[in-house]
Protein backbone atom coordinates (compact mmCIF):
# COMPACT_ATOMS: atom_id res chain seq x y z
CA MET A 1 -11.50 -21.96 -10.67
CA SER A 2 -8.70 -22.76 -12.80
CA GLU A 3 -7.19 -19.00 -13.80
CA VAL A 4 -8.34 -15.62 -12.76
CA ASN A 5 -9.17 -12.97 -14.91
CA VAL A 6 -8.11 -9.77 -13.75
CA ALA A 7 -9.41 -6.57 -15.00
CA LEU A 8 -7.61 -3.14 -13.72
CA VAL A 9 -9.33 0.33 -13.07
CA GLY A 10 -6.87 2.78 -14.13
CA ALA A 11 -3.76 3.03 -15.97
CA GLY A 12 -1.41 5.34 -14.39
CA ARG A 13 1.98 4.20 -12.05
CA ILE A 14 0.70 2.06 -10.08
CA ALA A 15 -1.84 0.33 -12.07
CA ARG A 16 1.81 -0.37 -13.95
CA VAL A 17 3.57 -1.73 -11.14
CA HIS A 18 0.83 -4.39 -10.29
CA ALA A 19 0.37 -5.11 -14.52
CA ALA A 20 3.70 -6.14 -14.56
CA ALA A 21 3.54 -8.20 -11.25
CA TYR A 22 0.94 -10.15 -12.78
CA GLN A 23 3.09 -11.48 -16.05
CA GLY A 24 4.95 -13.47 -13.32
CA LEU A 25 2.07 -15.32 -12.12
CA SER A 26 0.17 -18.87 -13.03
CA LEU A 27 -3.10 -18.86 -11.57
CA GLY A 28 -4.46 -15.00 -12.67
CA ARG A 29 -4.29 -12.58 -15.98
CA LEU A 30 -4.78 -9.62 -16.39
CA VAL A 31 -7.28 -9.26 -19.26
CA ALA A 32 -9.00 -5.77 -19.75
CA CYS A 33 -8.36 -2.02 -17.91
CA THR A 34 -10.05 0.95 -17.91
CA ASP A 35 -8.85 4.82 -17.58
CA PRO A 36 -10.78 8.05 -17.97
CA VAL A 37 -7.41 9.53 -19.69
CA GLU A 38 -8.52 6.53 -23.06
CA ALA A 39 -4.42 7.52 -23.87
CA ALA A 40 -3.35 6.30 -21.12
CA ALA A 41 -5.29 3.00 -21.03
CA GLU A 42 -4.60 2.60 -24.75
CA GLY A 43 -1.24 2.94 -23.64
CA LEU A 44 -1.43 0.29 -21.08
CA ALA A 45 -3.42 -2.08 -23.07
CA ARG A 46 -0.75 -1.65 -25.59
CA ASP A 47 1.89 -2.98 -23.75
CA PHE A 48 0.25 -5.70 -21.36
CA GLY A 49 -1.26 -7.08 -24.40
CA LEU A 50 -4.65 -6.31 -22.66
CA ARG A 51 -8.27 -4.85 -24.05
CA VAL A 52 -9.81 -1.47 -23.03
CA ALA A 53 -13.26 -1.20 -21.57
CA PRO A 54 -15.02 2.57 -21.39
CA ASP A 55 -15.48 2.13 -18.12
CA LEU A 56 -16.06 0.87 -14.46
CA ASP A 57 -19.59 -0.25 -15.89
CA ALA A 58 -18.45 -1.89 -18.71
CA LEU A 59 -15.68 -4.17 -16.42
CA LEU A 60 -18.61 -4.49 -13.95
CA ALA A 61 -20.92 -6.20 -16.15
CA ASP A 62 -18.08 -8.63 -18.13
CA PRO A 63 -19.18 -11.81 -15.84
CA ASP A 64 -15.61 -12.67 -17.92
CA ILE A 65 -14.33 -10.90 -15.37
CA ASP A 66 -13.70 -12.84 -11.98
CA ALA A 67 -11.70 -9.88 -10.25
CA VAL A 68 -10.43 -6.35 -10.78
CA VAL A 69 -7.35 -4.44 -8.94
CA ILE A 70 -8.34 -0.78 -8.86
CA ALA A 71 -5.27 1.17 -9.47
CA SER A 72 -7.05 4.79 -9.17
CA PRO A 73 -6.71 7.69 -7.32
CA ASN A 74 -7.48 7.50 -3.27
CA ALA A 75 -10.75 9.23 -3.35
CA MET A 76 -12.46 6.76 -5.79
CA HIS A 77 -10.99 3.83 -3.89
CA PRO A 78 -14.16 3.49 -1.30
CA ASP A 79 -17.09 3.60 -4.43
CA GLN A 80 -15.13 1.58 -6.82
CA THR A 81 -14.72 -0.97 -4.52
CA ILE A 82 -18.40 -1.16 -3.06
CA ALA A 83 -19.52 -1.27 -6.78
CA ALA A 84 -17.19 -4.24 -7.64
CA LEU A 85 -18.30 -6.32 -4.83
CA ARG A 86 -21.97 -5.78 -5.40
CA ALA A 87 -21.35 -6.74 -8.75
CA GLY A 88 -19.86 -10.19 -7.57
CA LYS A 89 -16.14 -9.38 -8.02
CA HIS A 90 -13.30 -9.78 -5.94
CA VAL A 91 -11.01 -7.42 -5.52
CA PHE A 92 -8.23 -5.89 -4.68
CA CYS A 93 -7.83 -2.32 -4.09
CA GLN A 94 -4.92 0.04 -4.09
CA LYS A 95 -4.15 1.59 -0.42
CA PRO A 96 -5.67 3.28 1.43
CA ILE A 97 -8.90 1.88 1.42
CA ALA A 98 -10.51 5.29 2.08
CA LEU A 99 -9.54 9.23 2.74
CA THR A 100 -12.28 8.70 6.01
CA VAL A 101 -12.54 6.59 8.70
CA ALA A 102 -17.02 7.02 8.03
CA GLU A 103 -15.78 6.20 3.86
CA ALA A 104 -13.98 3.10 5.55
CA ASP A 105 -16.60 1.97 7.46
CA ARG A 106 -18.43 1.95 4.65
CA VAL A 107 -16.00 -0.83 2.85
CA VAL A 108 -15.63 -2.70 6.12
CA ALA A 109 -19.52 -3.02 5.97
CA GLU A 110 -20.37 -4.33 2.52
CA ALA A 111 -16.73 -6.63 2.63
CA ALA A 112 -18.67 -8.33 5.79
CA ALA A 113 -22.15 -8.83 3.64
CA VAL A 114 -20.75 -10.06 1.03
CA ASP A 115 -18.74 -13.64 -0.16
CA ARG A 116 -16.31 -11.70 -2.26
CA VAL A 117 -12.06 -11.90 -1.66
CA LEU A 118 -11.24 -8.28 -0.86
CA GLN A 119 -7.66 -7.33 -0.05
CA PHE A 120 -5.72 -3.96 0.16
CA GLY A 121 -2.02 -3.08 -1.24
CA PHE A 122 -0.07 -3.18 0.99
CA MET A 123 2.95 -5.23 -0.57
CA LEU A 124 5.35 -5.09 2.87
CA ARG A 125 3.73 -7.92 4.29
CA PHE A 126 4.78 -10.20 1.49
CA THR A 127 8.37 -8.32 1.11
CA PRO A 128 11.28 -10.58 2.07
CA PRO A 129 13.13 -10.33 4.85
CA MET A 130 9.19 -8.71 6.62
CA PRO A 131 7.76 -11.71 7.20
CA GLN A 132 11.03 -13.18 8.18
CA LEU A 133 10.95 -10.44 10.96
CA ARG A 134 6.88 -10.54 12.07
CA ARG A 135 8.04 -14.41 12.95
CA ARG A 136 11.47 -13.20 14.71
CA ILE A 137 8.85 -11.03 17.00
CA GLU A 138 6.04 -13.70 17.61
CA THR A 139 7.93 -16.41 18.64
CA GLY A 140 10.06 -13.76 21.34
CA GLU A 141 13.70 -13.96 19.86
CA LEU A 142 13.68 -10.30 20.00
CA GLY A 143 12.76 -10.46 23.60
CA THR A 144 10.17 -8.04 24.96
CA MET A 145 9.72 -5.09 22.20
CA ILE A 146 10.84 -1.68 22.96
CA ALA A 147 11.62 0.27 20.53
CA SER A 148 11.68 0.48 16.32
CA ARG A 149 12.58 3.40 14.17
CA ALA A 150 11.90 3.34 10.95
CA ALA A 151 12.49 5.99 7.53
CA VAL A 152 10.38 6.03 4.82
CA PHE A 153 11.76 7.09 1.44
CA GLY A 154 8.51 7.53 -1.36
CA TRP A 155 8.57 9.03 -4.81
CA GLU A 156 8.16 12.82 -5.60
CA PRO A 157 4.17 12.28 -6.81
CA SER A 158 3.14 12.83 -10.41
CA ASN A 159 -0.29 14.48 -9.73
CA ASP A 160 -1.44 16.68 -8.01
CA TRP A 161 -3.96 14.49 -6.18
CA PHE A 162 -0.90 13.22 -3.68
CA TYR A 163 -1.03 16.55 -2.46
CA ASP A 164 -4.32 17.19 -1.97
CA PRO A 165 -6.44 16.28 0.94
CA ALA A 166 -9.83 16.19 -0.72
CA GLN A 167 -7.72 13.31 -2.95
CA GLY A 168 -5.02 12.01 -2.20
CA GLY A 169 -4.12 13.07 1.47
CA GLY A 170 -0.73 14.31 1.43
CA VAL A 171 2.84 12.46 2.16
CA ILE A 172 1.14 10.96 5.67
CA LEU A 173 -1.94 9.48 4.27
CA ASP A 174 -0.43 8.71 0.81
CA THR A 175 3.34 7.07 1.62
CA LEU A 176 3.46 6.53 5.19
CA VAL A 177 -0.16 4.32 5.71
CA HIS A 178 2.73 2.04 4.21
CA PHE A 179 4.32 1.68 7.51
CA ALA A 180 1.24 1.82 9.62
CA ASP A 181 -0.30 -0.98 8.61
CA LEU A 182 3.00 -2.20 8.67
CA VAL A 183 3.65 -1.55 11.94
CA LEU A 184 0.20 -2.28 12.98
CA TRP A 185 1.26 -6.06 11.97
CA LEU A 186 5.10 -6.00 14.40
CA PHE A 187 3.81 -4.41 16.95
CA GLY A 188 0.36 -4.68 17.94
CA PRO A 189 -2.65 -1.64 18.00
CA ALA A 190 -1.81 1.79 18.25
CA ARG A 191 -2.83 4.15 21.49
CA THR A 192 -1.69 7.43 20.43
CA VAL A 193 0.55 9.56 18.01
CA TYR A 194 2.95 12.28 17.62
CA ALA A 195 3.35 14.16 13.83
CA ASP A 196 5.19 17.22 13.00
CA GLY A 197 6.34 17.66 9.80
CA GLY A 198 5.81 20.32 6.73
CA ALA A 199 5.63 21.49 3.36
CA TYR A 200 9.95 22.03 2.92
CA VAL A 201 10.40 21.44 -1.13
CA LEU A 202 7.62 20.43 -2.90
CA ASP A 203 5.50 23.72 -4.41
CA GLY A 204 2.45 21.13 -4.74
CA ALA A 205 2.94 20.65 -1.35
CA ARG A 206 3.32 24.46 -0.66
CA ARG A 207 -0.10 25.07 -2.25
CA PHE A 208 -2.22 22.11 -0.59
CA ARG A 209 -0.56 22.76 2.60
CA SER A 210 -0.14 19.28 3.00
CA PRO A 211 3.21 18.00 4.17
CA ASP A 212 6.15 16.54 1.65
CA ASN A 213 8.12 15.62 4.65
CA ALA A 214 6.91 14.77 8.34
CA THR A 215 8.24 12.65 11.58
CA VAL A 216 5.61 10.36 13.36
CA GLN A 217 5.51 8.66 16.60
CA VAL A 218 3.12 6.05 17.67
CA ARG A 219 3.49 4.55 21.24
CA HIS A 220 1.38 0.55 20.34
CA SER A 221 -1.54 -0.49 23.26
CA SER A 222 1.75 -3.17 23.89
CA GLY A 223 4.39 -0.35 25.04
CA VAL A 224 6.45 -0.64 21.96
CA VAL A 225 7.50 2.95 21.15
CA THR A 226 7.32 3.79 17.06
CA SER A 227 9.08 6.60 15.35
CA MET A 228 8.84 6.52 11.19
CA TYR A 229 10.20 9.73 8.89
CA VAL A 230 8.25 10.15 5.88
CA SER A 231 9.59 11.66 3.21
CA TRP A 232 8.87 12.45 -0.87
CA THR A 233 12.03 14.76 -1.19
CA ALA A 234 14.88 12.01 -0.73
CA GLY A 235 15.11 11.40 -4.86
CA HIS A 236 14.34 7.34 -4.75
CA GLY A 237 12.48 4.85 -2.79
CA ASN A 238 12.12 2.41 0.08
CA PHE A 239 12.69 1.94 3.23
CA THR A 240 14.76 1.42 6.18
CA LEU A 241 13.71 -0.31 9.61
CA GLU A 242 15.15 -0.87 13.03
CA THR A 243 13.50 -2.95 16.39
CA TYR A 244 15.06 -3.21 19.40
CA GLY A 245 13.63 -6.03 21.96
CA THR A 246 14.90 -7.29 25.72
CA GLY A 247 16.56 -10.13 23.92
CA GLY A 248 18.27 -8.53 21.15
CA SER A 249 17.23 -6.29 17.43
CA ALA A 250 16.93 -7.01 14.08
CA ALA A 251 17.59 -4.21 10.38
CA VAL A 252 16.47 -3.68 7.69
CA ASP A 253 17.40 -1.35 5.27
CA LEU A 254 16.41 -1.55 1.73
CA VAL A 255 17.65 1.19 0.79
CA HIS A 256 21.35 0.47 0.24
CA SER A 257 21.37 -3.83 0.75
CA GLN A 258 19.06 -5.99 -0.72
CA THR A 259 19.43 -9.24 -2.42
CA MET A 260 22.21 -8.22 -4.84
CA ARG A 261 24.37 -4.85 -5.86
CA THR A 262 24.97 -4.74 -8.96
CA PHE A 263 27.80 -2.01 -11.26
CA THR A 264 26.64 -0.89 -14.76
CA ARG A 265 30.00 0.47 -16.68
CA GLY A 266 28.44 2.63 -18.91
CA GLU A 267 26.18 4.35 -16.28
CA SER A 268 29.10 4.35 -13.44
CA ARG A 269 26.40 3.90 -11.17
CA TRP A 270 25.64 1.06 -8.47
CA GLY A 271 22.20 -0.63 -8.34
CA PHE A 272 20.21 -2.74 -6.08
CA PRO A 273 17.65 -4.71 -7.72
CA ASP A 274 14.76 -3.38 -5.67
CA LEU A 275 13.00 -6.61 -3.36
CA VAL A 276 9.61 -4.23 -3.46
CA TRP A 277 9.69 -4.55 -6.80
CA ASP A 278 9.74 -7.77 -7.54
CA TYR A 279 8.68 -9.99 -4.32
CA GLY A 280 6.51 -7.34 -2.88
CA TYR A 281 4.23 -6.57 -5.64
CA GLN A 282 4.09 -9.89 -7.75
CA GLY A 283 3.16 -11.55 -3.85
CA GLU A 284 0.58 -9.53 -3.19
CA GLN A 285 -1.01 -9.81 -6.14
CA ARG A 286 -0.25 -13.82 -5.89
CA HIS A 287 -2.11 -14.25 -2.78
CA PHE A 288 -4.75 -12.43 -3.73
CA VAL A 289 -5.60 -14.53 -7.23
CA GLU A 290 -4.53 -17.86 -5.10
CA ARG A 291 -7.43 -16.91 -2.63
CA VAL A 292 -9.74 -16.04 -5.51
CA ALA A 293 -9.20 -19.45 -6.86
CA GLY A 294 -9.55 -21.40 -3.47
CA VAL A 295 -5.49 -22.42 -2.88
CA THR A 296 -5.75 -20.62 0.05
CA LYS A 297 -7.93 -19.95 2.52
CA GLU A 298 -4.74 -17.96 4.79
CA PRO A 299 -5.44 -14.55 4.93
CA ILE A 300 -1.53 -13.16 5.00
CA GLY A 301 -2.99 -9.54 3.10
CA VAL A 302 -4.53 -7.20 4.11
CA GLY A 303 -8.46 -7.26 5.05
CA ALA A 304 -11.35 -4.38 5.11
CA ALA A 305 -10.80 -4.20 8.77
CA GLU A 306 -6.80 -4.80 9.10
CA ALA A 307 -6.86 -1.00 5.99
CA ARG A 308 -9.14 0.44 7.86
CA ASP A 309 -6.60 0.44 11.20
CA ALA A 310 -4.13 1.91 9.11
CA LEU A 311 -6.51 4.45 7.65
CA ALA A 312 -7.22 5.56 11.67
CA LEU A 313 -3.20 5.75 12.32
CA VAL A 314 -2.90 7.64 9.10
CA LEU A 315 -5.40 10.24 10.02
CA ALA A 316 -5.03 10.32 13.98
CA ALA A 317 -1.39 11.15 12.63
CA GLN A 318 -2.45 14.15 9.79
CA ARG A 319 -4.65 15.18 12.82
CA SER A 320 -1.92 15.29 15.03
CA LEU A 321 0.32 17.59 12.97
CA ASP A 322 -2.34 19.66 11.96
CA GLU A 323 -3.71 20.51 15.51
CA ALA A 324 0.08 20.17 17.37
CA ARG A 325 -0.57 18.31 19.99
CA VAL A 326 -0.87 14.25 21.08
CA VAL A 327 -4.01 11.99 19.11
CA GLU A 328 -5.01 9.39 21.56
CA LEU A 329 -6.90 6.62 18.90
């Protein structure tokens, strides 16, 4: 296969992030998009030079489309992923894999039954310096790992479905799932989880009785204890992460110190060009199309089973918050 023809399912904020990522790729190109909101699809198509398909079925029936990027609301992910795999398409699906473990298991089973590439949107695995941090942990440079501490700042939701447990799941499921995968990748399986938090600021969180801020503590089977604070109300994105071992420590701060600092005189403000947006999203899409094209077989990206594990962890955290108890995995 030469160039991989890709279609976008969804035309919201995250779809635009993925569309921008494809502008820097050579092996893959976006050719079409679809969205139930016609104006959104037309706007995305106009901005990125795509054609608009009437619906998902039309995209899946198109023999010229090799793969789809699913960037729809969370509740739609499992059915759309399964439909695309059954249509013979390679699939990149935005996180989370589903909203329940049972639905995730359906996707895992379907992925095992086909020979298509299925990758989920956990861009932190591709964001410097996270791969380098993992290598340091794996090689024992930091000794035996003891603990980690993180603060994860997500953007305030742009739609009510983010708050709804039946559609988006709230800040733990929708946003912390990124770090759920990351800490499982760094420190191994989780054994117990405890969460606390609530709807402190946002009306949407109050209406749906889902948290907009939470703290989640995980004890891994390896003995590492991870503490993660996640927020939708800090007014910015990105994260900090500290890791501690018997032989040393390592810290990442993508809130205040990235690869470059800028100052805009007219706006009188400092800025930090963002590694996640410039490298993480493009890196995961590059890896996806390289796997589809057969250039690489190394599965750095998150597969169905790993996406299921990340989901199981955040669902256990949400249950811990709801029931005010430690939950075993």
